[in-house]
Protein backbone atom coordinates (compact mmCIF):
# COMPACT_ATOMS: atom_id res chain seq x y z
CA MET A 1 53.00 -35.72 62.24
CA MET A 2 52.93 -36.46 65.98
CA PHE A 3 52.58 -32.73 66.69
CA LEU A 4 49.63 -32.47 64.28
CA LYS A 5 47.91 -35.44 65.88
CA ALA A 6 48.45 -33.96 69.33
CA ARG A 7 46.89 -30.66 68.26
CA CYS A 8 43.89 -32.49 66.78
CA LEU A 9 43.47 -34.45 70.02
CA MET A 10 43.60 -31.24 72.05
CA LEU A 11 40.97 -29.70 69.81
CA SER A 12 38.83 -32.82 70.10
CA LEU A 13 38.97 -32.61 73.87
CA ALA A 14 38.00 -28.93 73.69
CA LEU A 15 34.98 -29.89 71.61
CA ILE A 16 33.88 -32.23 74.38
CA GLY A 17 33.66 -29.49 77.00
CA SER A 18 33.97 -29.18 80.75
CA ALA A 19 31.55 -28.93 83.64
CA PHE A 20 29.12 -26.00 83.76
CA VAL A 21 28.72 -25.37 87.48
CA VAL A 22 26.39 -22.66 88.75
CA ALA A 23 25.20 -21.49 92.11
CA ASP A 24 22.02 -22.96 93.59
CA GLU A 25 20.58 -19.47 94.08
CA PRO A 26 20.43 -16.41 91.81
CA ALA A 27 23.61 -14.33 91.90
CA GLY A 28 21.91 -10.95 92.39
CA LYS A 29 22.22 -9.30 95.81
CA ARG A 30 20.89 -5.96 97.00
CA THR A 31 23.54 -3.34 96.33
CA VAL A 32 24.44 -0.41 98.54
CA ASP A 33 22.53 2.09 96.37
CA SER A 34 18.81 2.12 95.63
CA ARG A 35 18.92 -0.04 92.53
CA LEU A 36 16.97 -3.23 92.06
CA THR A 37 18.85 -6.46 91.63
CA THR A 38 18.98 -7.67 88.05
CA GLU A 39 16.47 -10.40 88.97
CA GLU A 40 14.11 -7.79 90.39
CA LEU A 41 14.54 -5.68 87.27
CA ALA A 42 13.65 -8.70 85.12
CA ARG A 43 10.46 -9.26 87.15
CA TRP A 44 9.59 -5.55 86.86
CA ILE A 45 9.91 -5.73 83.06
CA ASP A 46 7.78 -8.88 82.86
CA GLU A 47 5.03 -7.41 85.06
CA ARG A 48 4.83 -4.20 83.05
CA PHE A 49 4.61 -5.96 79.71
CA ALA A 50 2.18 -8.58 80.98
CA ALA A 51 -0.18 -5.69 81.70
CA VAL A 52 0.49 -4.12 78.29
CA TRP A 53 -0.23 -7.37 76.46
CA GLN A 54 -3.33 -8.08 78.54
CA ASP A 55 -4.78 -4.66 77.70
CA ALA A 56 -3.98 -5.26 74.01
CA LYS A 57 -5.44 -8.80 74.18
CA ILE A 58 -2.16 -10.32 72.97
CA ASP A 59 -1.15 -13.86 73.85
CA PRO A 60 2.58 -13.75 74.58
CA PRO A 61 4.85 -16.01 72.51
CA GLU A 62 6.22 -19.16 74.10
CA VAL A 63 9.53 -19.15 75.98
CA ILE A 64 12.45 -20.37 73.84
CA ASP A 65 14.38 -23.55 74.58
CA ASP A 66 17.79 -23.57 76.23
CA ALA A 67 19.80 -23.93 73.00
CA THR A 68 18.09 -20.93 71.42
CA PHE A 69 18.64 -18.90 74.59
CA LEU A 70 22.32 -19.81 74.59
CA LYS A 71 22.84 -18.75 70.99
CA ARG A 72 20.75 -15.58 71.43
CA THR A 73 22.55 -14.33 74.52
CA SER A 74 25.97 -15.24 73.14
CA LEU A 75 25.33 -13.29 69.94
CA ASP A 76 23.77 -10.33 71.75
CA LEU A 77 26.41 -10.10 74.48
CA THR A 78 29.62 -11.31 72.82
CA GLY A 79 28.89 -10.89 69.12
CA SER A 80 29.55 -14.57 68.42
CA ILE A 81 28.00 -18.00 68.72
CA PRO A 82 29.33 -20.03 71.68
CA SER A 83 32.03 -22.64 71.37
CA VAL A 84 31.15 -26.33 71.25
CA SER A 85 32.42 -26.83 74.80
CA GLN A 86 30.35 -23.89 76.07
CA ALA A 87 27.28 -25.27 74.35
CA ARG A 88 27.80 -28.76 75.80
CA ASP A 89 28.42 -27.43 79.29
CA PHE A 90 25.31 -25.27 79.31
CA LEU A 91 22.94 -27.75 77.67
CA ASP A 92 24.10 -30.67 79.84
CA TYR A 93 23.57 -28.80 83.12
CA ALA A 94 20.12 -29.07 84.69
CA GLY A 95 20.38 -26.35 87.36
CA GLU A 96 17.38 -24.12 87.97
CA HIS A 97 19.17 -20.78 87.59
CA ARG A 98 21.53 -21.58 84.75
CA ARG A 99 20.11 -18.96 82.37
CA GLY A 100 20.69 -16.12 84.80
CA THR A 101 24.12 -17.45 85.65
CA LEU A 102 25.02 -17.63 81.96
CA VAL A 103 24.08 -13.96 81.55
CA ASP A 104 26.18 -13.00 84.57
CA ARG A 105 29.20 -14.91 83.26
CA LEU A 106 28.96 -13.45 79.77
CA LEU A 107 28.82 -9.95 81.21
CA ASN A 108 31.32 -10.24 84.02
CA ASP A 109 33.04 -13.50 84.81
CA PRO A 110 35.18 -12.72 87.88
CA ARG A 111 37.35 -15.77 87.18
CA ARG A 112 38.37 -14.46 83.74
CA PRO A 113 37.81 -10.70 83.56
CA GLU A 114 40.04 -10.46 80.47
CA LYS A 115 37.52 -12.64 78.62
CA TYR A 116 34.86 -9.99 79.17
CA ALA A 117 37.14 -7.30 77.80
CA GLU A 118 38.03 -9.45 74.83
CA ARG A 119 34.55 -10.40 73.65
CA THR A 120 31.62 -8.63 75.32
CA ALA A 121 33.18 -5.20 75.66
CA ALA A 122 34.47 -5.40 72.10
CA HIS A 123 31.01 -6.32 70.81
CA LEU A 124 29.29 -3.49 72.71
CA ALA A 125 31.92 -1.11 71.35
CA ASN A 126 31.05 -2.21 67.83
CA VAL A 127 27.30 -1.83 68.50
CA TRP A 128 27.69 1.66 69.94
CA ARG A 129 30.04 2.79 67.18
CA ARG A 130 27.44 1.74 64.60
CA THR A 131 24.86 3.73 66.55
CA MET A 132 27.00 6.86 66.54
CA VAL A 133 27.94 6.77 62.87
CA PRO A 134 25.73 4.31 60.94
CA GLY A 135 26.18 3.17 57.37
CA ASN A 136 29.28 2.50 55.32
CA SER A 137 30.41 6.01 54.46
CA GLN A 138 33.98 7.23 54.74
CA GLU A 139 33.00 8.80 58.08
CA ALA A 140 31.57 5.49 59.31
CA ARG A 141 34.79 3.70 58.40
CA MET A 142 36.73 6.39 60.27
CA ALA A 143 34.51 5.84 63.31
CA VAL A 144 35.81 2.26 63.57
CA GLY A 145 38.80 3.90 65.22
CA LEU A 146 36.59 4.69 68.22
CA GLU A 147 36.13 1.02 69.06
CA PRO A 148 39.37 0.46 71.03
CA TRP A 149 38.54 3.42 73.28
CA LEU A 150 34.90 2.35 73.66
CA LYS A 151 36.05 -1.19 74.46
CA GLU A 152 38.16 0.15 77.32
CA GLN A 153 35.14 2.00 78.73
CA PHE A 154 32.82 -1.00 78.55
CA ALA A 155 35.45 -3.36 79.95
CA ALA A 156 35.81 -1.08 82.99
CA ASN A 157 32.00 -0.75 83.22
CA VAL A 158 32.32 3.03 83.14
CA PRO A 159 28.87 4.49 83.94
CA TYR A 160 27.05 5.53 80.78
CA ASP A 161 26.73 9.18 81.85
CA GLU A 162 30.48 9.36 82.42
CA LEU A 163 31.22 7.71 79.06
CA VAL A 164 29.06 10.23 77.21
CA ARG A 165 30.56 13.10 79.16
CA LYS A 166 34.01 11.99 78.01
CA LEU A 167 32.86 11.90 74.39
CA VAL A 168 31.09 15.25 74.39
CA THR A 169 33.94 17.07 76.16
CA ALA A 170 36.82 15.31 74.37
CA THR A 171 39.81 17.41 73.38
CA ASN A 172 42.89 16.70 71.32
CA ASP A 173 45.12 17.16 74.38
CA GLY A 174 46.23 14.00 76.15
CA GLN A 175 44.39 11.72 73.73
CA PRO A 176 45.92 8.57 72.22
CA GLN A 177 47.77 9.23 69.00
CA MET A 178 45.55 8.41 66.03
CA VAL A 179 46.81 5.34 64.14
CA VAL A 180 46.08 5.32 60.42
CA ASN A 181 46.37 2.40 58.00
CA PRO A 182 46.38 3.52 54.33
CA ARG A 183 44.36 0.48 53.26
CA LEU A 184 41.88 0.18 56.12
CA GLY A 185 41.57 3.81 57.21
CA VAL A 186 41.75 4.94 60.84
CA VAL A 187 42.56 1.99 63.09
CA SER A 188 42.35 3.63 66.50
CA GLY A 189 42.05 6.97 68.20
CA GLY A 190 40.67 8.64 71.32
CA PRO A 191 37.13 9.99 71.93
CA ALA A 192 37.93 13.21 70.02
CA LEU A 193 37.75 11.09 66.87
CA PHE A 194 33.96 11.16 67.30
CA PHE A 195 33.77 14.76 66.12
CA GLN A 196 35.86 14.04 63.05
CA ALA A 197 33.75 11.00 62.21
CA VAL A 198 30.47 12.95 62.33
CA GLY A 199 31.72 15.68 60.03
CA GLY A 200 34.00 17.94 62.06
CA LYS A 201 31.65 20.95 62.11
CA PRO A 202 29.42 22.53 64.80
CA GLU A 203 26.31 21.71 62.78
CA THR A 204 27.09 18.02 62.35
CA ALA A 205 28.24 17.70 65.96
CA ALA A 206 24.99 19.21 67.27
CA SER A 207 22.85 17.03 65.02
CA SER A 208 24.71 13.81 65.89
CA VAL A 209 24.92 14.41 69.65
CA SER A 210 21.19 15.22 69.80
CA ARG A 211 20.23 12.15 67.77
CA VAL A 212 22.54 9.62 69.41
CA PHE A 213 22.33 10.66 73.04
CA LEU A 214 19.03 12.56 73.37
CA GLY A 215 16.87 10.72 70.84
CA VAL A 216 15.78 13.81 68.91
CA ARG A 217 16.32 14.71 65.28
CA ILE A 218 17.00 18.42 65.07
CA GLY A 219 18.93 18.23 61.79
CA CYS A 220 15.82 19.17 59.82
CA ALA A 221 15.74 22.48 61.70
CA GLU A 222 19.16 23.58 60.43
CA CYS A 223 17.65 25.61 57.57
CA HIS A 224 14.02 25.94 58.69
CA ASP A 225 11.70 25.02 61.54
CA HIS A 226 11.12 21.25 61.79
CA PRO A 227 8.02 20.36 59.74
CA PHE A 228 6.82 17.49 61.97
CA ALA A 229 8.16 18.29 65.44
CA SER A 230 8.32 21.29 67.73
CA TRP A 231 11.99 22.04 67.11
CA LYS A 232 12.73 25.46 65.67
CA GLN A 233 15.72 26.70 63.71
CA LYS A 234 16.84 28.61 66.79
CA ASP A 235 16.89 25.30 68.75
CA PHE A 236 19.28 23.76 66.23
CA TRP A 237 21.69 26.67 66.15
CA GLY A 238 21.47 27.10 69.92
CA MET A 239 22.80 23.54 70.24
CA ALA A 240 25.38 24.08 67.50
CA ALA A 241 26.77 27.08 69.40
CA PHE A 242 28.05 24.72 72.13
CA PHE A 243 30.33 23.20 69.47
CA SER A 244 31.76 26.44 68.11
CA GLY A 245 35.24 25.10 68.81
CA VAL A 246 34.75 22.11 66.50
CA ARG A 247 36.12 23.19 63.11
CA ASN A 248 37.55 21.25 60.19
CA GLY A 249 37.70 18.09 62.26
CA GLY A 250 39.79 19.77 64.97
CA ILE A 251 38.73 20.86 68.44
CA ASP A 252 39.48 24.32 69.78
CA ASP A 253 38.76 24.71 73.49
CA SER A 254 37.99 28.39 73.30
CA LEU A 255 35.16 29.65 75.50
CA ALA A 256 33.26 31.01 72.49
CA ALA A 257 29.62 29.95 72.61
CA THR A 258 28.06 31.81 69.74
CA ILE A 259 27.67 30.88 66.10
CA GLN A 260 26.51 32.67 62.99
CA PRO A 261 25.33 30.50 60.10
CA ALA A 262 26.65 31.28 56.65
CA ASN A 263 24.55 33.85 54.77
CA SER A 264 22.60 34.69 57.91
CA PRO A 265 22.52 38.02 59.76
CA VAL A 266 21.60 36.28 63.00
CA ALA A 267 24.11 35.02 65.57
CA TYR A 268 22.94 32.35 68.01
CA THR A 269 24.06 31.83 71.61
CA ALA A 270 24.43 28.42 73.27
CA THR A 271 20.98 27.33 74.40
CA PHE A 272 19.78 23.98 75.71
CA LEU A 273 17.09 22.10 73.82
CA GLY A 274 13.80 23.47 75.08
CA GLY A 275 14.91 27.08 75.06
CA GLU A 276 16.77 27.53 78.36
CA PRO A 277 19.88 29.72 77.85
CA ALA A 278 23.09 28.12 79.08
CA LYS A 279 24.80 29.65 82.09
CA LEU A 280 28.37 29.57 80.92
CA SER A 281 31.44 29.73 83.12
CA ARG A 282 34.93 31.06 82.49
CA ASN A 283 36.26 27.88 84.04
CA LYS A 284 34.41 25.47 81.76
CA SER A 285 34.18 25.03 78.03
CA PRO A 286 30.69 25.30 76.52
CA ARG A 287 30.78 21.58 75.80
CA GLU A 288 31.35 20.83 79.48
CA THR A 289 28.28 22.90 80.33
CA LEU A 290 26.28 21.03 77.71
CA ALA A 291 27.49 17.63 78.97
CA ASN A 292 26.44 18.48 82.55
CA TRP A 293 22.95 19.35 81.32
CA MET A 294 22.71 16.30 79.07
CA VAL A 295 23.59 13.64 81.65
CA ALA A 296 21.76 15.20 84.61
CA PRO A 297 19.34 12.66 86.18
CA GLU A 298 16.43 15.04 85.62
CA ASN A 299 17.06 15.11 81.85
CA THR A 300 14.62 12.38 80.85
CA LEU A 301 15.69 12.46 77.20
CA PHE A 302 19.19 11.20 78.02
CA ALA A 303 18.34 8.15 80.16
CA ALA A 304 15.30 7.22 78.04
CA THR A 305 17.36 7.25 74.85
CA ALA A 306 20.07 5.09 76.41
CA VAL A 307 17.50 2.53 77.59
CA ASN A 308 15.77 2.55 74.21
CA ARG A 309 19.03 1.87 72.37
CA VAL A 310 19.92 -1.05 74.66
CA TRP A 311 16.38 -2.34 74.21
CA GLN A 312 16.69 -2.18 70.42
CA HIS A 313 20.02 -4.02 70.51
CA LEU A 314 18.69 -6.86 72.66
CA LEU A 315 15.15 -7.21 71.31
CA GLY A 316 15.57 -6.09 67.71
CA ARG A 317 13.30 -3.05 68.02
CA GLY A 318 13.14 -0.14 70.40
CA MET A 319 10.16 0.55 72.63
CA THR A 320 9.29 3.41 70.28
CA GLU A 321 8.92 3.46 66.50
CA SER A 322 12.29 5.17 66.07
CA VAL A 323 15.16 5.05 68.55
CA ASP A 324 16.49 8.23 66.94
CA ASP A 325 13.26 10.17 67.42
CA LEU A 326 11.49 10.04 70.78
CA ASP A 327 9.09 12.71 69.48
CA LYS A 328 7.25 9.85 67.73
CA ALA A 329 6.63 7.92 70.95
CA SER A 330 3.03 7.46 72.07
CA PRO A 331 2.16 8.50 75.65
CA ALA A 332 1.91 4.83 76.69
CA GLU A 333 5.29 3.99 75.12
CA ARG A 334 6.93 7.01 76.68
CA LYS A 335 5.51 6.18 80.10
CA ILE A 336 7.06 2.72 80.32
CA LEU A 337 10.29 3.96 78.75
CA ASP A 338 10.60 6.81 81.26
CA ASP A 339 9.84 4.48 84.17
CA LEU A 340 12.60 2.08 83.08
CA ALA A 341 14.93 5.04 82.51
CA LYS A 342 14.32 6.14 86.09
CA LEU A 343 15.45 2.73 87.32
CA PHE A 344 18.54 3.07 85.10
CA VAL A 345 19.34 6.41 86.76
CA ASP A 346 18.85 4.83 90.20
CA ALA A 347 21.39 2.19 89.14
CA LYS A 348 23.95 4.95 88.46
CA PHE A 349 23.73 4.50 84.67
CA ASP A 350 25.14 0.98 84.93
CA LEU A 351 24.87 -0.51 81.42
CA ARG A 352 25.92 -3.96 82.55
CA TRP A 353 23.08 -3.96 85.10
CA LEU A 354 20.55 -2.87 82.48
CA VAL A 355 21.64 -5.50 79.96
CA ALA A 356 21.59 -8.27 82.59
CA GLY A 357 18.10 -7.35 83.80
CA ILE A 358 16.64 -7.36 80.29
CA CYS A 359 18.32 -10.67 79.37
CA LYS A 360 17.04 -12.36 82.53
CA SER A 361 13.44 -11.35 81.84
CA GLN A 362 10.88 -13.75 80.38
CA LEU A 363 10.17 -11.05 77.81
CA TYR A 364 13.70 -11.39 76.35
CA GLN A 365 13.42 -15.17 76.43
CA ARG A 366 10.26 -15.43 74.32
CA GLU A 367 10.04 -16.67 70.74
CA CYS A 368 10.39 -14.25 67.84
CA ILE A 369 7.45 -13.15 65.76
CA VAL A 370 7.55 -13.20 61.96
CA LEU A 371 6.57 -9.98 60.19
CA ASP A 372 6.02 -9.22 56.55
CA ASP A 373 5.97 -5.90 54.74
CA THR A 374 2.21 -5.54 55.18
CA ASP A 375 2.27 -5.83 58.96
CA ALA A 376 1.79 -2.74 61.09
CA GLU A 377 4.33 -1.83 63.77
CA PRO A 378 4.13 -4.66 66.35
CA PRO A 379 3.34 -3.89 69.99
CA ALA A 380 6.34 -3.10 72.16
CA GLY A 381 8.13 -6.11 73.60
CA LEU A 382 7.50 -8.50 70.70
CA ARG A 383 10.80 -9.56 69.18
CA PRO A 384 11.41 -9.95 65.43
CA ILE A 385 13.96 -12.34 63.94
CA LYS A 386 17.27 -10.50 63.64
CA THR A 387 19.91 -10.78 60.94
CA LEU A 388 23.50 -11.03 62.17
CA SER A 389 25.66 -8.01 61.58
CA PRO A 390 28.72 -8.48 59.34
CA GLU A 391 30.93 -8.52 62.43
CA GLN A 392 28.77 -11.16 64.09
CA VAL A 393 28.97 -13.34 60.97
CA PHE A 394 32.76 -13.26 61.02
CA ASN A 395 33.08 -13.72 64.76
CA SER A 396 30.81 -16.75 64.49
CA LEU A 397 32.81 -18.12 61.58
CA GLU A 398 35.97 -17.80 63.66
CA GLN A 399 34.27 -19.74 66.44
CA ALA A 400 32.78 -22.44 64.20
CA LEU A 401 36.01 -22.95 62.26
CA SER A 402 38.16 -23.04 65.42
CA LEU A 403 40.58 -20.42 64.14
CA PRO A 404 40.85 -16.70 63.52
CA VAL A 405 39.57 -15.85 60.05
CA ALA A 406 42.86 -14.18 59.12
CA ARG A 407 44.63 -17.53 59.61
CA ALA A 408 42.33 -19.61 57.42
CA ASP A 409 45.12 -19.47 54.86
CA GLY A 410 48.64 -18.21 55.43
CA SER A 411 48.93 -16.74 51.94
CA ALA A 412 48.80 -13.04 51.24
CA ARG A 413 45.31 -13.09 49.74
CA PHE A 414 43.79 -13.50 53.21
CA ASN A 415 45.53 -10.42 54.62
CA GLY A 416 42.79 -7.97 55.63
CA LEU A 417 40.06 -10.42 54.59
CA ARG A 418 37.92 -9.61 57.62
CA GLU A 419 37.98 -5.88 56.99
CA GLN A 420 37.44 -6.24 53.24
CA LEU A 421 34.45 -8.55 53.44
CA ILE A 422 32.85 -6.70 56.36
CA SER A 423 33.09 -3.55 54.26
CA ARG A 424 31.42 -5.33 51.33
CA MET A 425 28.67 -6.64 53.56
CA ASN A 426 28.08 -3.18 55.02
CA GLU A 427 27.46 -1.78 51.56
CA ALA A 428 24.30 -3.84 51.23
CA ALA A 429 23.29 -4.43 54.84
CA SER A 430 20.43 -2.55 56.50
CA ASN A 431 20.77 -0.63 59.75
CA ASN A 432 17.63 -2.41 60.97
CA PRO A 433 18.50 -5.90 62.26
CA ASP A 434 14.98 -7.23 61.64
CA GLU A 435 15.08 -6.60 57.88
CA PHE A 436 15.82 -9.98 56.31
CA ARG A 437 17.31 -8.43 53.17
CA ALA A 438 20.22 -7.43 55.41
CA GLY A 439 21.24 -11.09 55.50
CA ILE A 440 21.44 -11.57 51.74
CA PRO A 441 25.00 -10.25 51.28
CA GLN A 442 26.21 -12.30 54.24
CA ALA A 443 24.69 -15.48 52.80
CA LEU A 444 26.00 -14.87 49.28
CA LEU A 445 29.52 -14.19 50.47
CA LEU A 446 29.49 -17.32 52.59
CA MET A 447 28.11 -19.47 49.79
CA ASN A 448 30.68 -18.30 47.25
CA GLY A 449 33.62 -17.38 49.45
CA ARG A 450 36.99 -19.12 49.52
CA LEU A 451 36.90 -18.89 53.29
CA THR A 452 34.16 -21.46 53.93
CA THR A 453 35.16 -23.55 50.92
CA GLU A 454 38.75 -23.97 52.12
CA ALA A 455 37.90 -24.03 55.81
CA THR A 456 35.59 -27.01 55.22
CA ASP A 457 38.22 -28.85 53.22
CA LEU A 458 39.26 -32.11 54.88
CA ASP A 459 42.94 -31.26 54.53
CA GLN A 460 42.65 -27.74 56.01
CA SER A 461 39.72 -27.60 58.43
CA ARG A 462 40.72 -27.76 62.08
CA THR A 463 37.12 -28.33 63.17
CA LEU A 464 36.61 -31.24 60.79
CA ARG A 465 39.96 -32.81 61.73
CA GLY A 466 39.19 -32.43 65.41
CA VAL A 467 35.81 -34.11 65.00
CA LEU A 468 36.70 -36.85 62.53
CA ASP A 469 39.96 -37.85 64.20
CA ALA A 470 38.46 -38.12 67.69
CA PRO A 471 38.44 -41.84 68.59
CA PHE A 472 35.89 -41.33 71.37
CA LEU A 473 33.16 -39.87 69.06
CA ASP A 474 30.84 -42.24 67.23
CA THR A 475 28.94 -41.30 64.08
CA GLU A 476 26.05 -39.68 65.92
CA ALA A 477 28.35 -37.77 68.29
CA LYS A 478 30.36 -36.42 65.36
CA LEU A 479 27.21 -35.14 63.68
CA THR A 480 26.02 -33.58 66.94
CA THR A 481 29.37 -31.82 67.38
CA LEU A 482 29.13 -30.21 63.93
CA TYR A 483 25.64 -28.95 64.80
CA LEU A 484 26.85 -27.54 68.10
CA ALA A 485 29.75 -25.84 66.31
CA THR A 486 27.41 -24.01 63.92
CA PHE A 487 23.87 -23.85 65.36
CA SER A 488 24.68 -24.22 69.09
CA ARG A 489 22.12 -27.03 69.28
CA PRO A 490 22.01 -30.77 68.58
CA PRO A 491 20.30 -31.93 65.39
CA ARG A 492 16.55 -32.37 65.55
CA ALA A 493 15.19 -35.91 65.28
CA GLU A 494 14.32 -35.66 61.59
CA GLU A 495 17.65 -34.02 60.74
CA LYS A 496 19.58 -36.66 62.63
CA LYS A 497 17.71 -39.52 61.01
CA PHE A 498 18.20 -38.19 57.47
CA LEU A 499 21.87 -37.25 57.85
CA LEU A 500 22.94 -40.38 59.69
CA GLU A 501 21.39 -42.46 56.94
CA HIS A 502 23.29 -40.40 54.38
CA ILE A 503 26.62 -40.84 56.20
CA ARG A 504 26.17 -44.58 56.73
CA LYS A 505 25.32 -45.14 53.06
CA GLN A 506 28.83 -44.13 52.05
CA ALA A 507 30.94 -47.06 50.89
CA ASP A 508 34.16 -46.39 52.74
CA GLY A 509 35.78 -44.19 55.37
CA ASP A 510 37.03 -41.52 52.95
CA LYS A 511 33.59 -41.05 51.46
CA GLN A 512 32.10 -40.85 54.94
CA LYS A 513 34.57 -38.11 55.83
CA GLN A 514 33.60 -36.24 52.69
CA ALA A 515 29.94 -36.54 53.70
CA TYR A 516 30.76 -34.85 57.03
CA ALA A 517 32.55 -32.05 55.14
CA GLU A 518 29.53 -31.52 52.90
CA ILE A 519 27.24 -31.40 55.93
CA PHE A 520 29.52 -28.88 57.66
CA TRP A 521 29.54 -26.69 54.53
CA GLY A 522 25.75 -26.86 54.35
CA LEU A 523 25.36 -25.86 58.00
CA LEU A 524 27.69 -22.85 57.61
CA ASN A 525 25.77 -21.67 54.56
CA SER A 526 22.26 -22.18 55.90
CA PRO A 527 19.90 -19.31 56.85
CA GLU A 528 19.99 -20.47 60.47
CA PHE A 529 23.67 -19.59 60.72
CA VAL A 530 23.12 -15.90 59.81
CA LEU A 531 19.86 -15.38 61.70
CA GLU A 532 19.23 -14.82 65.40
CA LYS A 533 15.89 -16.26 66.46
């Protein structure tokens, strides 16, 4: 009993928080290369979009409050809501540059570099894996095995061009042994797993690499010339020829760079998109030659697509109508995208730099707009409300409940719960984060799931015990702590008034505790918990 009380006291103290100390000046300093600082990049973004909105006669949305910014950046950069102590520390500090400092710490806290690897790198790995192989197919579930390798790359801040080069040129030699779980599928593997996950054939490799890393859809040109773009059938098979060694999920590093489609008399030679024949070398595989062309600074498709995908992740929509199809970009959209891509190249393809600059901009910090099905495509830079991904829902539950989901109950029925329910959510979720229907399966599973029911039980909930057993928290402070644990903000005046009256109406202490449990359950199952505003 004494041990249990001690653990509850420790948790209570953790819910109180510690000091959030930041520097008096922005952290960004001019680096040795030609890149802008992240603060300068943020100003560049704001100036460009101020001009865009002025020309379009658009009044920009208001800047969000600190609590919304904290939740937004935490979800976007770590895949989870912040802890109660993190929320208290940030909201209680009145420093001028705290927002920029928060971004810097979430991306790269030099005091705890392992924390970055644990949360932010893991979240970016999940985001990029979903980009490479979207949906909930067997191939998409196999692609989950890429996440440990991707996490290593993001944790080390490997330049984006180098990361893609590793993927495109991956071989089976020297790669980590693939680990397979019969129930969950592939658990981990090296970058060569990418080719298996996209279909294990030259055709699927060419289509996926072009879509994911170059922002063009050439798959429609596999059997005929593309009906809506300039890509011809010869362009598709010229790209596929680079992947002649990808067969049946395996990778053969032969120097062959020709391919003949089934039932076709024509054989195609490796050719870059745009029609330039590849100059192949006896010392390099065709995929190495392709990778060099893809990531070259002068290849505007590569850097522009990378920037557009980061933009979509952080703001809910890309700068263009489709992040998979730059052919649909208007000249004005393509101009600003290419200009930002040039800055990304100058920064040596530093993803961390790009993410920090966007998050520090006023553009990122503005309120969301609400769209309905009748609305036309909004102007670039306006942010829709986003639905949390299945992984974000579970990461946030872990944070709010003060325990890993798998430990919510020690019995066997919780084994693999995270993977099972994420899979069920994926079956109904949309790939577009701004489509509200994507949040329906998350909400239903939360409302009806054993997890939140048992984790908000007074006898089992660590968060509730930590709050209710804390002798230094009065009624209002306990209510505020539950709000911080779920919404990362204190209750609004009308919420506080109504709920405090409800708690104080209860006849005795046990009924008051039950009222807190009901409030906690309601907060976890509210739309605000599964939406990012």
